[in-house]
Amino acid sequence: MGPKKVLVNTTTSPKILSQIDLIKRATKGDENANKEVIKRLSSYMNKPEERKEGQPHE
């Protein structure tokens, strides 16, 4: 058998937690959250030149 795996405690940034919450609310039918998700995705897809370095691209 190989070496034993060790669990490491990690924390999730508040920005990611808020995005997860927004997506959960949108999938449950919250119209405001749904509009916000669409707005963010649209701005991400339409402005690739304004992305910060290190973010994924098409």
PDB file of N, CA and C in Angstrom:
ATOM      1  N   MET A   1       0.834  -1.189   0.000  1.00  0.00           N
ATOM      2  CA  MET A   1       0.000   0.000   0.000  1.00  0.00           C
ATOM      3  C   MET A   1       0.876   1.248   0.000  1.00  0.00           C
ATOM      4  N   GLY A   2       0.363   2.291  -0.628  1.00  0.00           N
ATOM      5  CA  GLY A   2       1.096   3.546  -0.709  1.00  0.00           C
ATOM      6  C   GLY A   2       0.987   4.354   0.571  1.00  0.00           C
ATOM      7  N   PRO A   3       1.594   5.525   0.547  1.00  0.00           N
ATOM      8  CA  PRO A   3       1.532   6.379   1.737  1.00  0.00           C
ATOM      9  C   PRO A   3       0.099   6.811   2.038  1.00  0.00           C
ATOM     10  N   LYS A   4      -0.140   7.023   3.316  1.00  0.00           N
ATOM     11  CA  LYS A   4      -1.466   7.409   3.773  1.00  0.00           C
ATOM     12  C   LYS A   4      -1.755   8.856   3.377  1.00  0.00           C
ATOM     13  N   LYS A   5      -2.966   9.127   2.882  1.00  0.00           N
ATOM     14  CA  LYS A   5      -3.339  10.489   2.522  1.00  0.00           C
ATOM     15  C   LYS A   5      -3.714  11.255   3.787  1.00  0.00           C
ATOM     16  N   VAL A   6      -3.300  12.510   3.832  1.00  0.00           N
ATOM     17  CA  VAL A   6      -3.579  13.347   4.991  1.00  0.00           C
ATOM     18  C   VAL A   6      -4.546  14.445   4.568  1.00  0.00           C
ATOM     19  N   LEU A   7      -5.611  14.626   5.339  1.00  0.00           N
ATOM     20  CA  LEU A   7      -6.556  15.698   5.054  1.00  0.00           C
ATOM     21  C   LEU A   7      -5.977  17.024   5.514  1.00  0.00           C
ATOM     22  N   VAL A   8      -6.169  18.046   4.697  1.00  0.00           N
ATOM     23  CA  VAL A   8      -5.683  19.376   5.032  1.00  0.00           C
ATOM     24  C   VAL A   8      -6.884  20.305   5.110  1.00  0.00           C
ATOM     25  N   ASN A   9      -6.994  21.051   6.203  1.00  0.00           N
ATOM     26  CA  ASN A   9      -8.079  22.012   6.322  1.00  0.00           C
ATOM     27  C   ASN A   9      -7.848  23.158   5.348  1.00  0.00           C
ATOM     28  N   THR A  10      -8.877  23.501   4.608  1.00  0.00           N
ATOM     29  CA  THR A  10      -8.784  24.619   3.677  1.00  0.00           C
ATOM     30  C   THR A  10      -9.947  25.565   3.948  1.00  0.00           C
ATOM     31  N   THR A  11      -9.782  26.799   3.527  1.00  0.00           N
ATOM     32  CA  THR A  11     -10.867  27.764   3.650  1.00  0.00           C
ATOM     33  C   THR A  11     -11.240  28.251   2.263  1.00  0.00           C
ATOM     34  N   THR A  12     -12.485  28.596   2.107  1.00  0.00           N
ATOM     35  CA  THR A  12     -12.982  29.110   0.837  1.00  0.00           C
ATOM     36  C   THR A  12     -13.163  30.609   0.983  1.00  0.00           C
ATOM     37  N   SER A  13     -12.731  31.341  -0.029  1.00  0.00           N
ATOM     38  CA  SER A  13     -12.799  32.796   0.054  1.00  0.00           C
ATOM     39  C   SER A  13     -14.252  33.262   0.094  1.00  0.00           C
ATOM     40  N   PRO A  14     -14.509  34.398   0.739  1.00  0.00           N
ATOM     41  CA  PRO A  14     -15.869  34.944   0.801  1.00  0.00           C
ATOM     42  C   PRO A  14     -16.461  35.218  -0.583  1.00  0.00           C
ATOM     43  N   LYS A  15     -15.613  35.605  -1.536  1.00  0.00           N
ATOM     44  CA  LYS A  15     -16.098  35.881  -2.894  1.00  0.00           C
ATOM     45  C   LYS A  15     -16.670  34.610  -3.517  1.00  0.00           C
ATOM     46  N   ILE A  16     -15.966  33.505  -3.364  1.00  0.00           N
ATOM     47  CA  ILE A  16     -16.440  32.237  -3.923  1.00  0.00           C
ATOM     48  C   ILE A  16     -17.700  31.776  -3.200  1.00  0.00           C
ATOM     49  N   LEU A  17     -17.738  31.949  -1.877  1.00  0.00           N
ATOM     50  CA  LEU A  17     -18.926  31.564  -1.123  1.00  0.00           C
ATOM     51  C   LEU A  17     -20.149  32.356  -1.569  1.00  0.00           C
ATOM     52  N   SER A  18     -19.970  33.656  -1.840  1.00  0.00           N
ATOM     53  CA  SER A  18     -21.106  34.467  -2.284  1.00  0.00           C
ATOM     54  C   SER A  18     -21.560  34.050  -3.677  1.00  0.00           C
ATOM     55  N   GLN A  19     -20.612  33.655  -4.537  1.00  0.00           N
ATOM     56  CA  GLN A  19     -20.987  33.191  -5.870  1.00  0.00           C
ATOM     57  C   GLN A  19     -21.748  31.869  -5.790  1.00  0.00           C
ATOM     58  N   ILE A  20     -21.328  30.989  -4.901  1.00  0.00           N
ATOM     59  CA  ILE A  20     -22.027  29.718  -4.706  1.00  0.00           C
ATOM     60  C   ILE A  20     -23.444  29.982  -4.215  1.00  0.00           C
ATOM     61  N   ASP A  21     -23.583  30.909  -3.257  1.00  0.00           N
ATOM     62  CA  ASP A  21     -24.895  31.260  -2.726  1.00  0.00           C
ATOM     63  C   ASP A  21     -25.789  31.829  -3.825  1.00  0.00           C
ATOM     64  N   LEU A  22     -25.230  32.699  -4.664  1.00  0.00           N
ATOM     65  CA  LEU A  22     -25.988  33.294  -5.763  1.00  0.00           C
ATOM     66  C   LEU A  22     -26.497  32.214  -6.721  1.00  0.00           C
ATOM     67  N   ILE A  23     -25.645  31.258  -7.054  1.00  0.00           N
ATOM     68  CA  ILE A  23     -26.041  30.172  -7.960  1.00  0.00           C
ATOM     69  C   ILE A  23     -27.118  29.303  -7.316  1.00  0.00           C
ATOM     70  N   LYS A  24     -26.985  29.015  -6.028  1.00  0.00           N
ATOM     71  CA  LYS A  24     -28.004  28.217  -5.334  1.00  0.00           C
ATOM     72  C   LYS A  24     -29.355  28.920  -5.365  1.00  0.00           C
ATOM     73  N   ARG A  25     -29.340  30.240  -5.088  1.00  0.00           N
ATOM     74  CA  ARG A  25     -30.597  30.995  -5.102  1.00  0.00           C
ATOM     75  C   ARG A  25     -31.200  31.024  -6.502  1.00  0.00           C
ATOM     76  N   ALA A  26     -30.359  31.154  -7.524  1.00  0.00           N
ATOM     77  CA  ALA A  26     -30.853  31.189  -8.904  1.00  0.00           C
ATOM     78  C   ALA A  26     -31.484  29.855  -9.292  1.00  0.00           C
ATOM     79  N   THR A  27     -30.879  28.751  -8.866  1.00  0.00           N
ATOM     80  CA  THR A  27     -31.428  27.443  -9.222  1.00  0.00           C
ATOM     81  C   THR A  27     -32.718  27.144  -8.468  1.00  0.00           C
ATOM     82  N   LYS A  28     -32.941  27.831  -7.343  1.00  0.00           N
ATOM     83  CA  LYS A  28     -34.186  27.638  -6.585  1.00  0.00           C
ATOM     84  C   LYS A  28     -35.306  28.541  -7.086  1.00  0.00           C
ATOM     85  N   GLY A  29     -35.019  29.374  -8.091  1.00  0.00           N
ATOM     86  CA  GLY A  29     -36.077  30.177  -8.686  1.00  0.00           C
ATOM     87  C   GLY A  29     -36.059  31.652  -8.336  1.00  0.00           C
ATOM     88  N   ASP A  30     -35.038  32.132  -7.651  1.00  0.00           N
ATOM     89  CA  ASP A  30     -34.944  33.559  -7.317  1.00  0.00           C
ATOM     90  C   ASP A  30     -34.657  34.350  -8.596  1.00  0.00           C
ATOM     91  N   GLU A  31     -35.632  35.170  -9.013  1.00  0.00           N
ATOM     92  CA  GLU A  31     -35.497  35.916 -10.272  1.00  0.00           C
ATOM     93  C   GLU A  31     -34.330  36.901 -10.235  1.00  0.00           C
ATOM     94  N   ASN A  32     -34.151  37.603  -9.113  1.00  0.00           N
ATOM     95  CA  ASN A  32     -33.049  38.575  -9.016  1.00  0.00           C
ATOM     96  C   ASN A  32     -31.694  37.882  -9.122  1.00  0.00           C
ATOM     97  N   ALA A  33     -31.560  36.750  -8.462  1.00  0.00           N
ATOM     98  CA  ALA A  33     -30.306  35.997  -8.527  1.00  0.00           C
ATOM     99  C   ALA A  33     -30.077  35.472  -9.938  1.00  0.00           C
ATOM    100  N   ASN A  34     -31.132  35.023 -10.586  1.00  0.00           N
ATOM    101  CA  ASN A  34     -31.023  34.511 -11.952  1.00  0.00           C
ATOM    102  C   ASN A  34     -30.546  35.611 -12.898  1.00  0.00           C
ATOM    103  N   LYS A  35     -31.116  36.803 -12.774  1.00  0.00           N
ATOM    104  CA  LYS A  35     -30.710  37.928 -13.623  1.00  0.00           C
ATOM    105  C   LYS A  35     -29.252  38.301 -13.372  1.00  0.00           C
ATOM    106  N   GLU A  36     -28.835  38.259 -12.112  1.00  0.00           N
ATOM    107  CA  GLU A  36     -27.450  38.600 -11.771  1.00  0.00           C
ATOM    108  C   GLU A  36     -26.476  37.585 -12.368  1.00  0.00           C
ATOM    109  N   VAL A  37     -26.809  36.305 -12.306  1.00  0.00           N
ATOM    110  CA  VAL A  37     -25.952  35.264 -12.889  1.00  0.00           C
ATOM    111  C   VAL A  37     -25.827  35.476 -14.393  1.00  0.00           C
ATOM    112  N   ILE A  38     -26.948  35.733 -15.054  1.00  0.00           N
ATOM    113  CA  ILE A  38     -26.924  35.956 -16.506  1.00  0.00           C
ATOM    114  C   ILE A  38     -26.106  37.193 -16.840  1.00  0.00           C
ATOM    115  N   LYS A  39     -26.264  38.250 -16.047  1.00  0.00           N
ATOM    116  CA  LYS A  39     -25.508  39.485 -16.283  1.00  0.00           C
ATOM    117  C   LYS A  39     -24.009  39.233 -16.149  1.00  0.00           C
ATOM    118  N   ARG A  40     -23.615  38.504 -15.112  1.00  0.00           N
ATOM    119  CA  ARG A  40     -22.188  38.225 -14.904  1.00  0.00           C
ATOM    120  C   ARG A  40     -21.620  37.342 -16.011  1.00  0.00           C
ATOM    121  N   LEU A  41     -22.375  36.333 -16.412  1.00  0.00           N
ATOM    122  CA  LEU A  41     -21.898  35.460 -17.484  1.00  0.00           C
ATOM    123  C   LEU A  41     -21.805  36.208 -18.803  1.00  0.00           C
ATOM    124  N   SER A  42     -22.774  37.063 -19.077  1.00  0.00           N
ATOM    125  CA  SER A  42     -22.760  37.836 -20.322  1.00  0.00           C
ATOM    126  C   SER A  42     -21.563  38.767 -20.368  1.00  0.00           C
ATOM    127  N   SER A  43     -21.295  39.456 -19.272  1.00  0.00           N
ATOM    128  CA  SER A  43     -20.162  40.382 -19.262  1.00  0.00           C
ATOM    129  C   SER A  43     -18.843  39.616 -19.351  1.00  0.00           C
ATOM    130  N   TYR A  44     -18.784  38.426 -18.783  1.00  0.00           N
ATOM    131  CA  TYR A  44     -17.572  37.613 -18.855  1.00  0.00           C
ATOM    132  C   TYR A  44     -17.324  37.145 -20.281  1.00  0.00           C
ATOM    133  N   MET A  45     -18.377  36.717 -20.962  1.00  0.00           N
ATOM    134  CA  MET A  45     -18.226  36.171 -22.310  1.00  0.00           C
ATOM    135  C   MET A  45     -18.009  37.259 -23.355  1.00  0.00           C
ATOM    136  N   ASN A  46     -18.501  38.473 -23.128  1.00  0.00           N
ATOM    137  CA  ASN A  46     -18.436  39.528 -24.133  1.00  0.00           C
ATOM    138  C   ASN A  46     -17.201  40.408 -24.037  1.00  0.00           C
ATOM    139  N   LYS A  47     -16.457  40.343 -22.938  1.00  0.00           N
ATOM    140  CA  LYS A  47     -15.321  41.238 -22.761  1.00  0.00           C
ATOM    141  C   LYS A  47     -14.051  40.471 -22.398  1.00  0.00           C
ATOM    142  N   PRO A  48     -13.549  39.626 -23.280  1.00  0.00           N
ATOM    143  CA  PRO A  48     -12.358  38.838 -22.934  1.00  0.00           C
ATOM    144  C   PRO A  48     -11.118  39.698 -22.722  1.00  0.00           C
ATOM    145  N   GLU A  49     -11.041  40.872 -23.363  1.00  0.00           N
ATOM    146  CA  GLU A  49      -9.862  41.721 -23.218  1.00  0.00           C
ATOM    147  C   GLU A  49      -9.779  42.371 -21.836  1.00  0.00           C
ATOM    148  N   GLU A  50     -10.896  42.391 -21.096  1.00  0.00           N
ATOM    149  CA  GLU A  50     -10.902  43.015 -19.775  1.00  0.00           C
ATOM    150  C   GLU A  50     -10.690  42.008 -18.650  1.00  0.00           C
ATOM    151  N   ARG A  51     -10.497  40.727 -18.987  1.00  0.00           N
ATOM    152  CA  ARG A  51     -10.278  39.728 -17.952  1.00  0.00           C
ATOM    153  C   ARG A  51      -8.960  39.961 -17.243  1.00  0.00           C
ATOM    154  N   LYS A  52      -8.936  39.622 -15.974  1.00  0.00           N
ATOM    155  CA  LYS A  52      -7.687  39.712 -15.226  1.00  0.00           C
ATOM    156  C   LYS A  52      -6.775  38.569 -15.648  1.00  0.00           C
ATOM    157  N   GLU A  53      -5.496  38.814 -15.581  1.00  0.00           N
ATOM    158  CA  GLU A  53      -4.535  37.778 -15.942  1.00  0.00           C
ATOM    159  C   GLU A  53      -4.703  36.586 -15.013  1.00  0.00           C
ATOM    160  N   GLY A  54      -4.636  35.404 -15.575  1.00  0.00           N
ATOM    161  CA  GLY A  54      -4.757  34.192 -14.787  1.00  0.00           C
ATOM    162  C   GLY A  54      -6.143  33.579 -14.834  1.00  0.00           C
ATOM    163  N   GLN A  55      -7.135  34.330 -15.327  1.00  0.00           N
ATOM    164  CA  GLN A  55      -8.464  33.774 -15.444  1.00  0.00           C
ATOM    165  C   GLN A  55      -8.547  32.939 -16.715  1.00  0.00           C
ATOM    166  N   PRO A  56      -9.380  31.910 -16.705  1.00  0.00           N
ATOM    167  CA  PRO A  56      -9.501  31.072 -17.896  1.00  0.00           C
ATOM    168  C   PRO A  56     -10.105  31.844 -19.057  1.00  0.00           C
ATOM    169  N   HIS A  57      -9.770  31.422 -20.251  1.00  0.00           N
ATOM    170  CA  HIS A  57     -10.338  32.051 -21.433  1.00  0.00           C
ATOM    171  C   HIS A  57     -10.815  30.985 -22.387  1.00  0.00           C
ATOM    172  N   GLU A  58     -11.491  31.394 -23.448  1.00  0.00           N
ATOM    173  CA  GLU A  58     -12.090  30.447 -24.395  1.00  0.00           C
ATOM    174  C   GLU A  58     -11.050  29.664 -25.146  1.00  0.00           C
TER     175      GLU A  58
END
